[in-house]
Amino acid sequence: GFKNAGFDGFTMIQAKDVFEDYKLTGGFKGPVQLNNTGFIAIYENLKNRIDKKTQLSRQTFEDFLNNNNIDEPVIEKTITNDIKHQYTYPFSEVSSIRFTSNIRYDKIVTLTNSPNNLTTPNRNHLLLGGLFEYVFDATRPLALNINNGFKFKTWIEGYREINQVNTDFFVMGFDLRNYQKIHRNIVFASRLAGSSSFGSQKLIYYMGGVDGYLWAQFDPSVVPDPSQNYQFQTIATPIRGFYQNARNGNSFVGISNEIRVPLFSYFSRKPLKSDFLENFMLVGFNDIGTAWTGKNPYSSENSFNNTIYNGHNYSIGIQNQKEPIIYSYGFGIRSRLFGYYIRLDWGYGIDDHISMPSIKQLSLALDF
């Protein structure tokens, strides 16, 4: 299943000069989860036309792996050190190209919770790579979680593990978002996003759920293609009304539409004293998307369309005729409470043209 980050604390502080040409940012994650800590340090030089940014980060977390050969689970501690250096060249106030070089070092240590683990060697991975992206952003904020305008991003990135063969990894994608003002601070928000990974190693997209999903649930019924060498994982663009892994694969496309109505601030001609009422919002939405392997979602190469049952002396392959594209619609409420932006969604999914029971999903994050 997808390894959700969980709930934790994060503290950040920033220092900058009067003209904001130089910025220094530091942050620390923890200590809610003592086995999941980290820090980040960022230096930005924005004085000249080409912006420069250097980021150092370190993250540690523990993972419990079930091992059928022993009674106790195996506990692995992963230590990730990451260095990024970015150059940004702006063409105008709203468009730019960006290049980010990246060095990442992972050290995986098997903790000695059992005598069987004492001789297990550490595993080390050193990756080099880069990210190239074009960004166009002509939006302007009207209020919290309410924008007006259009923005677009497309990118391609690649990585390779040093001194290892067949470890090349590439991802390319796009993300378009448009915010159309309807009346005053009521907006209609649309998003079209897609991405695909290729190479000797691949990224698996789990489609379903929402960003910042609290108490996330994972659907184990859709099994990833075992022939794909998946080494990384991520959540695809949200499809509300479904749990995580409603669809999966190394490619995805998703469309989301929302109408955002800030209920109390819309009828008020001056700012409200209550932060909760000022940012209280009703949302109506619909989502559509799919994730797949192969050339397209309906391809015979797509693992979703093929199921193999293995027995002691037989193997049966079944070709499915299930619709790979999933839909959902519903409504939600949003507001800010104690400094956190809280979303609650009621989603009604449509899977293989069958309406599913509603799913309520709580999350801590802004909408797209």
Protein backbone atom coordinates (compact mmCIF):
# COMPACT_ATOMS: atom_id res chain seq x y z
CA GLY A 1 0.00 0.00 0.00
CA PHE A 2 0.87 3.66 -0.15
CA LYS A 3 3.09 4.87 2.69
CA ASN A 4 1.23 7.93 3.97
CA ALA A 5 3.34 10.45 5.85
CA GLY A 6 1.10 10.50 8.90
CA PHE A 7 0.44 13.36 11.31
CA ASP A 8 3.42 15.28 12.61
CA GLY A 9 4.62 18.72 13.61
CA PHE A 10 6.74 21.03 11.47
CA THR A 11 8.49 24.22 12.62
CA MET A 12 9.97 26.70 10.13
CA ILE A 13 11.73 30.06 10.49
CA GLN A 14 12.94 32.47 7.79
CA ALA A 15 15.34 35.42 7.69
CA LYS A 16 15.68 37.88 4.78
CA ASP A 17 17.22 41.26 4.02
CA VAL A 18 15.24 44.50 3.56
CA PHE A 19 15.06 44.19 -0.25
CA GLU A 20 14.38 40.42 -0.08
CA ASP A 21 17.35 39.67 -2.35
CA TYR A 22 18.59 36.94 0.00
CA LYS A 23 16.52 34.50 2.05
CA LEU A 24 17.56 31.86 4.56
CA THR A 25 14.98 29.31 5.71
CA GLY A 26 15.27 26.50 8.23
CA GLY A 27 12.76 23.89 9.36
CA PHE A 28 12.48 20.89 11.65
CA LYS A 29 9.98 18.02 11.53
CA GLY A 30 8.86 16.35 14.75
CA PRO A 31 8.63 15.43 17.56
CA VAL A 32 5.13 13.90 17.37
CA GLN A 33 6.60 10.79 15.74
CA LEU A 34 10.04 10.17 17.22
CA ASN A 35 10.83 7.62 14.52
CA ASN A 36 10.01 10.11 11.74
CA THR A 37 12.15 13.23 12.05
CA GLY A 38 13.93 15.52 9.66
CA PHE A 39 15.22 18.99 8.92
CA ILE A 40 15.49 21.31 5.92
CA ALA A 41 17.69 24.34 5.14
CA ILE A 42 17.15 26.61 2.13
CA TYR A 43 19.28 29.49 0.81
CA GLU A 44 17.93 31.75 -1.96
CA ASN A 45 19.79 34.38 -4.00
CA LEU A 46 17.21 36.51 -5.83
CA LYS A 47 19.32 39.61 -6.52
CA ASN A 48 19.94 39.13 -10.24
CA ARG A 49 17.65 38.00 -13.05
CA ILE A 50 18.63 34.34 -12.64
CA ASP A 51 17.35 33.17 -9.25
CA LYS A 52 19.44 30.60 -7.40
CA LYS A 53 18.22 28.27 -4.67
CA THR A 54 20.06 25.62 -2.68
CA GLN A 55 18.20 23.14 -0.46
CA LEU A 56 19.58 20.62 2.03
CA SER A 57 17.32 18.12 3.75
CA ARG A 58 17.57 15.02 5.89
CA GLN A 59 14.74 12.62 6.74
CA THR A 60 14.60 9.49 8.88
CA PHE A 61 11.71 7.09 9.31
CA GLU A 62 11.11 3.52 10.36
CA ASP A 63 9.05 0.93 8.50
CA PHE A 64 7.68 -2.39 9.72
CA LEU A 65 7.94 -5.25 7.21
CA ASN A 66 6.24 -8.58 7.70
CA ASN A 67 8.55 -11.55 7.23
CA ASN A 68 6.98 -14.98 7.02
CA ASN A 69 10.22 -16.69 8.03
CA ILE A 70 10.31 -15.25 11.55
CA ASP A 71 7.76 -14.50 14.23
CA GLU A 72 8.70 -10.84 14.71
CA PRO A 73 8.35 -8.19 11.98
CA VAL A 74 11.48 -6.70 10.45
CA ILE A 75 12.04 -3.03 11.32
CA GLU A 76 13.94 -0.99 8.75
CA LYS A 77 15.23 2.52 9.35
CA THR A 78 15.72 4.67 6.26
CA ILE A 79 17.96 7.75 6.35
CA THR A 80 17.63 10.03 3.32
CA ASN A 81 20.02 12.93 2.66
CA ASP A 82 19.08 15.18 -0.25
CA ILE A 83 20.80 18.15 -1.92
CA LYS A 84 19.07 20.27 -4.58
CA HIS A 85 20.33 23.31 -6.48
CA GLN A 86 17.91 25.24 -8.68
CA TYR A 87 18.31 27.93 -11.34
CA THR A 88 15.25 29.92 -12.42
CA TYR A 89 15.26 32.13 -15.53
CA PRO A 90 12.14 34.32 -15.89
CA PHE A 91 10.92 35.37 -19.34
CA SER A 92 8.38 37.74 -17.79
CA GLU A 93 6.52 38.34 -14.55
CA VAL A 94 4.40 35.22 -15.14
CA SER A 95 6.59 32.67 -16.98
CA SER A 96 9.94 31.03 -16.36
CA ILE A 97 12.05 27.96 -16.95
CA ARG A 98 13.66 26.12 -14.06
CA PHE A 99 16.44 23.56 -13.81
CA THR A 100 17.13 21.63 -10.60
CA SER A 101 20.09 19.31 -10.08
CA ASN A 102 19.70 16.68 -7.38
CA ILE A 103 21.91 14.35 -5.31
CA ARG A 104 20.14 11.88 -3.03
CA TYR A 105 21.71 9.34 -0.69
CA ASP A 106 19.58 6.67 1.00
CA LYS A 107 20.88 4.41 3.77
CA ILE A 108 18.61 1.56 4.86
CA VAL A 109 19.47 -0.10 8.18
CA THR A 110 17.79 -3.26 9.47
CA LEU A 111 17.36 -2.79 13.21
CA THR A 112 18.42 -5.64 15.49
CA ASN A 113 15.07 -6.46 17.08
CA SER A 114 15.82 -10.17 16.52
CA PRO A 115 19.00 -12.30 16.44
CA ASN A 116 18.13 -13.17 12.84
CA ASN A 117 18.73 -9.53 11.82
CA LEU A 118 22.20 -9.11 13.33
CA THR A 119 24.03 -10.10 10.14
CA THR A 120 21.79 -8.17 7.73
CA PRO A 121 24.02 -5.65 5.88
CA ASN A 122 23.04 -2.04 5.31
CA ARG A 123 21.78 -1.05 1.88
CA ASN A 124 23.09 2.18 0.31
CA HIS A 125 21.69 4.00 -2.72
CA LEU A 126 23.24 7.10 -4.33
CA LEU A 127 21.13 8.77 -7.00
CA LEU A 128 21.99 11.65 -9.34
CA GLY A 129 19.41 13.43 -11.44
CA GLY A 130 17.75 16.61 -12.53
CA LEU A 131 14.42 18.30 -13.17
CA PHE A 132 13.58 20.67 -16.05
CA GLU A 133 10.28 22.54 -15.96
CA TYR A 134 8.41 25.40 -17.59
CA VAL A 135 6.03 27.38 -15.38
CA PHE A 136 3.37 29.91 -16.40
CA ASP A 137 1.38 31.50 -13.57
CA ALA A 138 -1.00 34.41 -14.24
CA THR A 139 -3.24 33.81 -11.22
CA ARG A 140 -3.90 36.23 -8.40
CA PRO A 141 -5.41 35.37 -5.02
CA LEU A 142 -8.84 36.76 -4.13
CA ALA A 143 -8.96 35.05 -0.73
CA LEU A 144 -7.72 31.91 0.98
CA ASN A 145 -8.18 28.97 -1.44
CA ILE A 146 -9.81 31.32 -3.99
CA ASN A 147 -7.83 32.42 -7.06
CA ASN A 148 -8.54 34.06 -10.40
CA GLY A 149 -6.64 33.35 -13.62
CA PHE A 150 -4.72 30.54 -15.32
CA LYS A 151 -1.52 28.66 -14.56
CA PHE A 152 0.32 25.81 -16.25
CA LYS A 153 3.37 23.65 -15.63
CA THR A 154 5.09 20.94 -17.63
CA TRP A 155 8.21 19.05 -16.64
CA ILE A 156 10.58 16.17 -17.30
CA GLU A 157 12.95 14.67 -14.75
CA GLY A 158 15.39 11.79 -14.67
CA TYR A 159 17.54 9.94 -12.14
CA ARG A 160 20.09 7.15 -12.12
CA GLU A 161 21.76 5.23 -9.31
CA ILE A 162 25.55 5.49 -9.33
CA ASN A 163 27.55 2.31 -10.05
CA GLN A 164 24.36 0.34 -10.74
CA VAL A 165 22.99 -0.93 -14.05
CA ASN A 166 19.36 -0.71 -15.17
CA THR A 167 18.51 2.02 -12.66
CA ASP A 168 17.49 4.82 -15.03
CA PHE A 169 14.21 6.49 -14.08
CA PHE A 170 12.29 9.19 -15.98
CA VAL A 171 9.05 11.09 -15.40
CA MET A 172 7.28 13.61 -17.59
CA GLY A 173 3.97 15.36 -17.02
CA PHE A 174 1.79 18.46 -17.15
CA ASP A 175 -0.63 20.31 -14.87
CA LEU A 176 -3.14 22.97 -16.03
CA ARG A 177 -5.35 24.92 -13.63
CA ASN A 178 -7.91 27.62 -14.44
CA TYR A 179 -9.91 29.74 -12.01
CA GLN A 180 -12.87 31.57 -13.50
CA LYS A 181 -14.57 34.27 -11.46
CA ILE A 182 -18.38 33.88 -11.48
CA HIS A 183 -19.50 36.68 -9.18
CA ARG A 184 -17.53 38.56 -6.54
CA ASN A 185 -15.53 35.84 -4.74
CA ILE A 186 -17.37 32.79 -6.17
CA VAL A 187 -15.10 30.95 -8.62
CA PHE A 188 -15.21 27.89 -10.87
CA ALA A 189 -11.91 25.97 -10.62
CA SER A 190 -10.76 23.39 -13.17
CA ARG A 191 -7.72 21.15 -13.33
CA LEU A 192 -6.30 18.83 -15.99
CA ALA A 193 -3.20 16.84 -15.03
CA GLY A 194 -1.32 13.84 -16.35
CA SER A 195 2.03 12.14 -15.97
CA SER A 196 3.93 9.04 -17.06
CA SER A 197 7.10 7.32 -15.89
CA PHE A 198 9.39 5.19 -18.02
CA GLY A 199 12.83 3.60 -17.92
CA SER A 200 14.31 0.57 -16.16
CA GLN A 201 12.73 1.76 -12.91
CA LYS A 202 9.26 3.26 -12.71
CA LEU A 203 6.97 5.32 -10.53
CA ILE A 204 3.58 3.87 -9.57
CA TYR A 205 0.62 6.24 -9.33
CA TYR A 206 -2.14 5.31 -6.89
CA MET A 207 -5.32 7.08 -7.97
CA GLY A 208 -8.04 7.87 -5.46
CA GLY A 209 -8.52 9.72 -2.21
CA VAL A 210 -7.54 13.33 -1.52
CA ASP A 211 -4.39 15.30 -0.73
CA GLY A 212 -3.55 15.46 2.96
CA TYR A 213 -5.90 12.52 3.60
CA LEU A 214 -6.36 11.90 7.34
CA TRP A 215 -6.81 8.25 8.34
CA ALA A 216 -6.35 7.29 4.70
CA GLN A 217 -7.75 3.97 3.51
CA PHE A 218 -6.18 1.84 0.80
CA ASP A 219 -8.05 -0.42 -1.63
CA PRO A 220 -6.05 -3.68 -2.00
CA SER A 221 -8.33 -5.20 -4.66
CA VAL A 222 -6.51 -3.56 -7.61
CA VAL A 223 -3.14 -5.36 -7.73
CA PRO A 224 -0.19 -3.53 -9.38
CA ASP A 225 1.35 -5.09 -12.47
CA PRO A 226 4.10 -7.46 -11.22
CA SER A 227 6.03 -7.12 -14.49
CA GLN A 228 6.73 -3.42 -13.81
CA ASN A 229 9.86 -2.55 -11.86
CA TYR A 230 8.25 -0.05 -9.50
CA GLN A 231 10.76 1.65 -7.20
CA PHE A 232 8.87 4.83 -6.24
CA GLN A 233 5.26 5.63 -5.44
CA THR A 234 2.96 8.66 -5.29
CA ILE A 235 -0.70 9.62 -5.16
CA ALA A 236 -2.19 10.75 -8.48
CA THR A 237 -4.52 13.71 -8.81
CA PRO A 238 -7.35 13.23 -6.28
CA ILE A 239 -10.50 11.33 -7.23
CA ARG A 240 -12.91 11.89 -4.35
CA GLY A 241 -15.44 9.18 -3.54
CA PHE A 242 -12.79 6.45 -3.83
CA TYR A 243 -10.11 5.12 -1.53
CA GLN A 244 -6.45 5.17 -2.51
CA ASN A 245 -5.56 2.65 -5.26
CA ALA A 246 -8.92 2.69 -7.03
CA ARG A 247 -6.65 2.51 -10.10
CA ASN A 248 -2.87 2.26 -10.40
CA GLY A 249 -0.14 2.23 -13.04
CA ASN A 250 2.88 4.07 -14.37
CA SER A 251 0.67 6.65 -16.17
CA PHE A 252 -2.38 8.67 -15.17
CA VAL A 253 -4.72 11.41 -16.39
CA GLY A 254 -7.26 13.22 -14.23
CA ILE A 255 -9.75 16.10 -14.50
CA SER A 256 -11.31 17.92 -11.54
CA ASN A 257 -13.90 20.70 -11.48
CA GLU A 258 -15.10 22.66 -8.46
CA ILE A 259 -17.43 25.55 -7.78
CA ARG A 260 -16.29 27.35 -4.63
CA VAL A 261 -18.78 29.46 -2.70
CA PRO A 262 -17.46 31.31 0.40
CA LEU A 263 -20.83 31.38 2.08
CA PHE A 264 -20.56 34.07 4.75
CA SER A 265 -17.96 36.38 3.18
CA TYR A 266 -19.96 36.48 -0.06
CA PHE A 267 -22.89 38.20 1.66
CA SER A 268 -20.73 40.41 3.85
CA ARG A 269 -19.44 43.75 2.53
CA LYS A 270 -16.61 43.90 5.06
CA PRO A 271 -14.18 41.35 6.54
CA LEU A 272 -15.67 39.15 9.22
CA LYS A 273 -14.16 39.09 12.69
CA SER A 274 -14.34 35.30 12.83
CA ASP A 275 -11.57 33.60 10.84
CA PHE A 276 -13.67 30.43 10.68
CA LEU A 277 -16.66 32.24 9.12
CA GLU A 278 -14.48 34.39 6.85
CA ASN A 279 -12.98 31.27 5.22
CA PHE A 280 -16.04 29.02 5.44
CA MET A 281 -16.76 27.61 2.00
CA LEU A 282 -19.19 25.26 0.29
CA VAL A 283 -17.84 23.26 -2.66
CA GLY A 284 -19.53 21.21 -5.36
CA PHE A 285 -17.19 18.99 -7.40
CA ASN A 286 -16.83 16.26 -10.00
CA ASP A 287 -13.71 14.21 -10.78
CA ILE A 288 -12.80 11.84 -13.59
CA GLY A 289 -9.56 9.94 -14.20
CA THR A 290 -7.66 6.73 -14.58
CA ALA A 291 -4.21 5.21 -14.10
CA TRP A 292 -2.86 2.43 -16.29
CA THR A 293 0.07 0.42 -17.66
CA GLY A 294 0.58 -0.18 -21.36
CA LYS A 295 -0.19 2.16 -24.25
CA ASN A 296 -3.63 3.29 -23.05
CA PRO A 297 -6.23 2.37 -20.39
CA TYR A 298 -8.06 0.03 -22.79
CA SER A 299 -4.90 -1.71 -24.04
CA SER A 300 -4.55 -5.46 -23.57
CA GLU A 301 -1.17 -4.70 -21.95
CA ASN A 302 -2.93 -2.93 -19.09
CA SER A 303 -2.73 -5.17 -16.02
CA PHE A 304 -6.14 -3.88 -14.92
CA ASN A 305 -7.69 -5.69 -17.89
CA ASN A 306 -5.91 -8.97 -17.16
CA THR A 307 -6.00 -11.17 -14.07
CA ILE A 308 -3.91 -14.32 -13.56
CA TYR A 309 -4.82 -17.01 -11.02
CA ASN A 310 -2.01 -19.46 -10.20
CA GLY A 311 -2.65 -22.88 -8.67
CA HIS A 312 -0.44 -25.84 -7.80
CA ASN A 313 -0.30 -27.16 -11.35
CA TYR A 314 -2.26 -24.63 -13.39
CA SER A 315 -2.40 -20.94 -14.34
CA ILE A 316 -5.58 -19.25 -15.56
CA GLY A 317 -5.59 -15.88 -17.30
CA ILE A 318 -8.81 -13.87 -17.39
CA GLN A 319 -9.29 -10.78 -19.55
CA ASN A 320 -11.56 -8.26 -17.87
CA GLN A 321 -14.05 -5.97 -19.56
CA LYS A 322 -14.29 -3.52 -16.68
CA GLU A 323 -14.31 0.22 -17.40
CA PRO A 324 -10.86 1.63 -16.48
CA ILE A 325 -12.08 5.22 -16.15
CA ILE A 326 -13.68 6.17 -12.82
CA TYR A 327 -15.93 9.15 -12.03
CA SER A 328 -17.14 10.88 -8.91
CA TYR A 329 -19.23 13.82 -7.81
CA GLY A 330 -20.23 15.33 -4.51
CA PHE A 331 -19.93 18.32 -2.24
CA GLY A 332 -17.79 19.49 0.64
CA ILE A 333 -17.17 22.16 3.24
CA ARG A 334 -13.93 24.01 4.01
CA SER A 335 -12.67 26.46 6.57
CA ARG A 336 -9.67 27.34 8.67
CA LEU A 337 -9.68 26.25 12.29
CA PHE A 338 -6.81 26.88 14.75
CA GLY A 339 -4.62 27.83 11.78
CA TYR A 340 -5.29 24.59 9.84
CA TYR A 341 -7.27 24.51 6.61
CA ILE A 342 -9.73 21.65 7.03
CA ARG A 343 -11.67 19.96 4.23
CA LEU A 344 -14.55 17.52 4.55
CA ASP A 345 -15.86 15.89 1.34
CA TRP A 346 -18.84 13.68 0.60
CA GLY A 347 -17.97 11.83 -2.60
CA TYR A 348 -20.10 9.48 -4.67
CA GLY A 349 -17.98 7.29 -6.94
CA ILE A 350 -19.03 5.61 -10.18
CA ASP A 351 -17.03 2.44 -10.90
CA ASP A 352 -17.75 0.45 -14.06
CA HIS A 353 -20.94 2.52 -14.53
CA ILE A 354 -22.17 1.48 -11.06
CA SER A 355 -22.87 4.12 -8.40
CA MET A 356 -20.98 3.40 -5.19
CA PRO A 357 -21.96 4.31 -1.60
CA SER A 358 -20.83 7.74 -0.46
CA ILE A 359 -17.43 8.12 1.17
CA LYS A 360 -16.60 10.90 3.64
CA GLN A 361 -13.00 12.08 3.54
CA LEU A 362 -11.31 14.48 5.97
CA SER A 363 -8.08 16.20 4.99
CA LEU A 364 -5.70 19.01 5.96
CA ALA A 365 -4.68 20.81 2.77
CA LEU A 366 -5.73 23.50 0.34
CA ASP A 367 -7.59 22.54 -2.84
CA PHE A 368 -5.80 22.62 -6.19
